[in-house]
Amino acid sequence: MSATVEFFDRTMMEAMALLAETRRYLIDRSESERKGMPIETGLAASMESMRLVARLTQVLAWLLTHRAVHAGEMNLIEATRPDRRLGGRELCLNTQGEDDPDMPEELRNLLARSLSLYRRIARLDEQAAQRAVEQLRKNELTYPGKGA
């Protein structure tokens, strides 16, 4: 198994485990914790829970797309189209919840871990986009006038 495939498998397992942990938290603890909070804090906790899910959804979509690239099912240029790149950066890179001492500790922990994962994937997304641009330039040099 190549290092790239191993990386995607490990990262996918990390993301899926974090998603399962998030699901357990949201089902088992989230609502009961919010009941004891002031309404503003409960609303903020709900918003941070949505941010958590958004991060994980974006990461998993990106990982599946790039796993398809490494499996030969899609090329890098297709995978780095704007609609296939890591999305939700403004929402997902916001760290408001991680820093809020009024948020439940478990939620803050999940937020911090999901942010770390999202940032790692954001760096990979930028690198992939740069490689795709380099491939396009190389193709233009190799096949001048193609498509004209």
C-alpha atoms as a PDB file:
ATOM      1  CA  MET A   1       0.000   0.000   0.000  1.00  0.00           C
ATOM      2  CA  SER A   2       1.438   3.392  -0.965  1.00  0.00           C
ATOM      3  CA  ALA A   3       2.118   6.112   1.583  1.00  0.00           C
ATOM      4  CA  THR A   4      -0.494   8.319  -0.086  1.00  0.00           C
ATOM      5  CA  VAL A   5      -3.225   5.693   0.210  1.00  0.00           C
ATOM      6  CA  GLU A   6      -2.210   4.998   3.802  1.00  0.00           C
ATOM      7  CA  PHE A   7      -2.383   8.727   4.558  1.00  0.00           C
ATOM      8  CA  PHE A   8      -5.883   8.997   3.104  1.00  0.00           C
ATOM      9  CA  ASP A   9      -7.021   5.870   4.926  1.00  0.00           C
ATOM     10  CA  ARG A  10      -5.637   7.121   8.260  1.00  0.00           C
ATOM     11  CA  THR A  11      -7.037  10.603   7.799  1.00  0.00           C
ATOM     12  CA  MET A  12     -10.399   9.220   6.683  1.00  0.00           C
ATOM     13  CA  MET A  13     -10.502   6.981   9.761  1.00  0.00           C
ATOM     14  CA  GLU A  14      -9.610   9.961  11.972  1.00  0.00           C
ATOM     15  CA  ALA A  15     -12.391  12.040  10.403  1.00  0.00           C
ATOM     16  CA  MET A  16     -14.931   9.207  10.670  1.00  0.00           C
ATOM     17  CA  ALA A  17     -14.004   8.570  14.311  1.00  0.00           C
ATOM     18  CA  LEU A  18     -14.389  12.273  15.073  1.00  0.00           C
ATOM     19  CA  LEU A  19     -17.726  12.281  13.258  1.00  0.00           C
ATOM     20  CA  ALA A  20     -18.908   9.278  15.311  1.00  0.00           C
ATOM     21  CA  GLU A  21     -17.748  10.967  18.520  1.00  0.00           C
ATOM     22  CA  THR A  22     -19.560  14.144  17.457  1.00  0.00           C
ATOM     23  CA  ARG A  23     -22.728  12.187  16.731  1.00  0.00           C
ATOM     24  CA  ARG A  24     -22.591  10.545  20.165  1.00  0.00           C
ATOM     25  CA  TYR A  25     -22.077  13.931  21.798  1.00  0.00           C
ATOM     26  CA  LEU A  26     -24.936  15.554  19.890  1.00  0.00           C
ATOM     27  CA  ILE A  27     -27.325  12.684  20.634  1.00  0.00           C
ATOM     28  CA  ASP A  28     -26.344  11.950  24.235  1.00  0.00           C
ATOM     29  CA  ARG A  29     -25.165  15.195  25.800  1.00  0.00           C
ATOM     30  CA  SER A  30     -25.708  18.288  23.706  1.00  0.00           C
ATOM     31  CA  GLU A  31     -29.386  18.883  24.449  1.00  0.00           C
ATOM     32  CA  SER A  32     -29.117  18.145  28.173  1.00  0.00           C
ATOM     33  CA  GLU A  33     -26.117  20.479  28.507  1.00  0.00           C
ATOM     34  CA  ARG A  34     -27.954  23.294  26.710  1.00  0.00           C
ATOM     35  CA  LYS A  35     -30.971  23.012  29.044  1.00  0.00           C
ATOM     36  CA  GLY A  36     -28.930  24.376  31.947  1.00  0.00           C
ATOM     37  CA  MET A  37     -27.498  27.299  29.986  1.00  0.00           C
ATOM     38  CA  PRO A  38     -28.753  30.822  29.516  1.00  0.00           C
ATOM     39  CA  ILE A  39     -30.623  31.060  26.205  1.00  0.00           C
ATOM     40  CA  GLU A  40     -27.825  33.039  24.495  1.00  0.00           C
ATOM     41  CA  THR A  41     -25.205  30.472  25.489  1.00  0.00           C
ATOM     42  CA  GLY A  42     -27.462  27.608  24.403  1.00  0.00           C
ATOM     43  CA  LEU A  43     -27.975  29.264  21.038  1.00  0.00           C
ATOM     44  CA  ALA A  44     -24.228  29.788  20.683  1.00  0.00           C
ATOM     45  CA  ALA A  45     -23.628  26.112  21.567  1.00  0.00           C
ATOM     46  CA  SER A  46     -26.127  25.080  18.880  1.00  0.00           C
ATOM     47  CA  MET A  47     -24.347  27.272  16.339  1.00  0.00           C
ATOM     48  CA  GLU A  48     -20.977  25.804  17.314  1.00  0.00           C
ATOM     49  CA  SER A  49     -22.405  22.289  16.960  1.00  0.00           C
ATOM     50  CA  MET A  50     -23.415  23.178  13.396  1.00  0.00           C
ATOM     51  CA  ARG A  51     -19.905  24.556  12.746  1.00  0.00           C
ATOM     52  CA  LEU A  52     -18.463  21.275  14.020  1.00  0.00           C
ATOM     53  CA  VAL A  53     -20.643  19.230  11.661  1.00  0.00           C
ATOM     54  CA  ALA A  54     -19.863  21.589   8.756  1.00  0.00           C
ATOM     55  CA  ARG A  55     -16.119  21.153   9.270  1.00  0.00           C
ATOM     56  CA  LEU A  56     -16.372  17.393   9.319  1.00  0.00           C
ATOM     57  CA  THR A  57     -18.665  17.295   6.292  1.00  0.00           C
ATOM     58  CA  GLN A  58     -16.290  19.472   4.281  1.00  0.00           C
ATOM     59  CA  VAL A  59     -13.259  17.410   5.317  1.00  0.00           C
ATOM     60  CA  LEU A  60     -14.912  14.099   4.455  1.00  0.00           C
ATOM     61  CA  ALA A  61     -16.078  15.373   1.055  1.00  0.00           C
ATOM     62  CA  TRP A  62     -12.555  16.583   0.282  1.00  0.00           C
ATOM     63  CA  LEU A  63     -10.977  13.304   1.394  1.00  0.00           C
ATOM     64  CA  LEU A  64     -13.370  11.255  -0.735  1.00  0.00           C
ATOM     65  CA  THR A  65     -12.661  13.446  -3.762  1.00  0.00           C
ATOM     66  CA  HIS A  66      -8.895  13.157  -3.395  1.00  0.00           C
ATOM     67  CA  ARG A  67      -9.039   9.484  -2.654  1.00  0.00           C
ATOM     68  CA  ALA A  68     -10.765   9.161  -6.035  1.00  0.00           C
ATOM     69  CA  VAL A  69      -7.836  11.059  -7.588  1.00  0.00           C
ATOM     70  CA  HIS A  70      -5.334   8.649  -6.078  1.00  0.00           C
ATOM     71  CA  ALA A  71      -7.445   5.688  -7.190  1.00  0.00           C
ATOM     72  CA  GLY A  72      -7.388   7.002 -10.769  1.00  0.00           C
ATOM     73  CA  GLU A  73     -11.129   7.671 -10.843  1.00  0.00           C
ATOM     74  CA  MET A  74     -10.702  11.436 -11.275  1.00  0.00           C
ATOM     75  CA  ASN A  75      -7.829  13.685 -12.288  1.00  0.00           C
ATOM     76  CA  LEU A  76      -6.365  16.412 -10.115  1.00  0.00           C
ATOM     77  CA  ILE A  77      -7.646  19.192 -12.341  1.00  0.00           C
ATOM     78  CA  GLU A  78     -11.222  17.899 -11.962  1.00  0.00           C
ATOM     79  CA  ALA A  79     -10.749  17.492  -8.209  1.00  0.00           C
ATOM     80  CA  THR A  80      -9.635  21.084  -7.770  1.00  0.00           C
ATOM     81  CA  ARG A  81     -12.542  22.716  -9.567  1.00  0.00           C
ATOM     82  CA  PRO A  82     -14.046  25.377  -7.280  1.00  0.00           C
ATOM     83  CA  ASP A  83     -17.092  23.228  -6.477  1.00  0.00           C
ATOM     84  CA  ARG A  84     -14.860  20.334  -5.387  1.00  0.00           C
ATOM     85  CA  ARG A  85     -12.396  22.265  -3.266  1.00  0.00           C
ATOM     86  CA  LEU A  86     -12.605  22.430   0.509  1.00  0.00           C
ATOM     87  CA  GLY A  87     -15.540  24.711   1.188  1.00  0.00           C
ATOM     88  CA  GLY A  88     -16.892  26.781   4.025  1.00  0.00           C
ATOM     89  CA  ARG A  89     -13.609  28.406   4.978  1.00  0.00           C
ATOM     90  CA  GLU A  90     -15.106  31.531   6.513  1.00  0.00           C
ATOM     91  CA  LEU A  91     -17.453  29.479   8.690  1.00  0.00           C
ATOM     92  CA  CYS A  92     -15.107  26.584   9.406  1.00  0.00           C
ATOM     93  CA  LEU A  93     -11.993  28.603  10.269  1.00  0.00           C
ATOM     94  CA  ASN A  94     -13.856  30.703  12.834  1.00  0.00           C
ATOM     95  CA  THR A  95     -12.530  29.817  16.303  1.00  0.00           C
ATOM     96  CA  GLN A  96     -15.146  31.559  18.402  1.00  0.00           C
ATOM     97  CA  GLY A  97     -16.435  28.377  20.068  1.00  0.00           C
ATOM     98  CA  GLU A  98     -13.058  26.886  20.930  1.00  0.00           C
ATOM     99  CA  ASP A  99     -12.186  30.021  22.863  1.00  0.00           C
ATOM    100  CA  ASP A 100     -15.531  30.462  24.659  1.00  0.00           C
ATOM    101  CA  PRO A 101     -15.278  29.320  28.302  1.00  0.00           C
ATOM    102  CA  ASP A 102     -19.099  29.166  28.474  1.00  0.00           C
ATOM    103  CA  MET A 103     -19.175  26.321  25.933  1.00  0.00           C
ATOM    104  CA  PRO A 104     -19.267  22.791  27.340  1.00  0.00           C
ATOM    105  CA  GLU A 105     -15.770  21.337  27.633  1.00  0.00           C
ATOM    106  CA  GLU A 106     -16.549  18.331  25.433  1.00  0.00           C
ATOM    107  CA  LEU A 107     -17.910  20.582  22.685  1.00  0.00           C
ATOM    108  CA  ARG A 108     -14.819  22.808  22.884  1.00  0.00           C
ATOM    109  CA  ASN A 109     -12.628  19.711  22.613  1.00  0.00           C
ATOM    110  CA  LEU A 110     -14.511  18.454  19.547  1.00  0.00           C
ATOM    111  CA  LEU A 111     -14.363  21.923  18.001  1.00  0.00           C
ATOM    112  CA  ALA A 112     -10.609  22.173  18.567  1.00  0.00           C
ATOM    113  CA  ARG A 113      -9.944  18.741  17.079  1.00  0.00           C
ATOM    114  CA  SER A 114     -12.187  19.389  14.084  1.00  0.00           C
ATOM    115  CA  LEU A 115     -10.475  22.747  13.514  1.00  0.00           C
ATOM    116  CA  SER A 116      -7.056  21.095  13.559  1.00  0.00           C
ATOM    117  CA  LEU A 117      -8.219  18.512  11.015  1.00  0.00           C
ATOM    118  CA  TYR A 118      -9.882  21.168   8.849  1.00  0.00           C
ATOM    119  CA  ARG A 119      -6.703  23.293   8.845  1.00  0.00           C
ATOM    120  CA  ARG A 120      -4.597  20.294   7.790  1.00  0.00           C
ATOM    121  CA  ILE A 121      -6.961  19.565   4.925  1.00  0.00           C
ATOM    122  CA  ALA A 122      -7.040  23.272   3.977  1.00  0.00           C
ATOM    123  CA  ARG A 123      -3.247  23.182   3.577  1.00  0.00           C
ATOM    124  CA  LEU A 124      -3.530  20.049   1.428  1.00  0.00           C
ATOM    125  CA  ASP A 125      -6.286  21.683  -0.615  1.00  0.00           C
ATOM    126  CA  GLU A 126      -4.023  24.654  -1.358  1.00  0.00           C
ATOM    127  CA  GLN A 127      -1.160  22.340  -2.321  1.00  0.00           C
ATOM    128  CA  ALA A 128      -3.439  20.307  -4.601  1.00  0.00           C
ATOM    129  CA  ALA A 129      -4.716  23.473  -6.286  1.00  0.00           C
ATOM    130  CA  GLN A 130      -1.128  24.631  -6.880  1.00  0.00           C
ATOM    131  CA  ARG A 131      -0.220  21.242  -8.394  1.00  0.00           C
ATOM    132  CA  ALA A 132      -3.279  21.432 -10.657  1.00  0.00           C
ATOM    133  CA  VAL A 133      -2.241  24.895 -11.892  1.00  0.00           C
ATOM    134  CA  GLU A 134       1.264  23.554 -12.571  1.00  0.00           C
ATOM    135  CA  GLN A 135      -0.238  20.630 -14.513  1.00  0.00           C
ATOM    136  CA  LEU A 136      -2.370  23.001 -16.580  1.00  0.00           C
ATOM    137  CA  ARG A 137       0.667  25.168 -17.366  1.00  0.00           C
ATOM    138  CA  LYS A 138       2.691  22.103 -18.290  1.00  0.00           C
ATOM    139  CA  ASN A 139      -0.126  20.909 -20.559  1.00  0.00           C
ATOM    140  CA  GLU A 140      -0.257  24.333 -22.243  1.00  0.00           C
ATOM    141  CA  LEU A 141       3.497  24.183 -22.880  1.00  0.00           C
ATOM    142  CA  THR A 142       3.313  20.596 -24.117  1.00  0.00           C
ATOM    143  CA  TYR A 143       0.274  21.160 -26.348  1.00  0.00           C
ATOM    144  CA  PRO A 144       0.429  24.811 -27.492  1.00  0.00           C
ATOM    145  CA  GLY A 145      -2.736  26.059 -29.107  1.00  0.00           C
ATOM    146  CA  LYS A 146      -4.813  23.117 -27.894  1.00  0.00           C
ATOM    147  CA  GLY A 147      -8.449  24.088 -27.740  1.00  0.00           C
ATOM    148  CA  ALA A 148      -7.959  27.220 -29.864  1.00  0.00           C
END
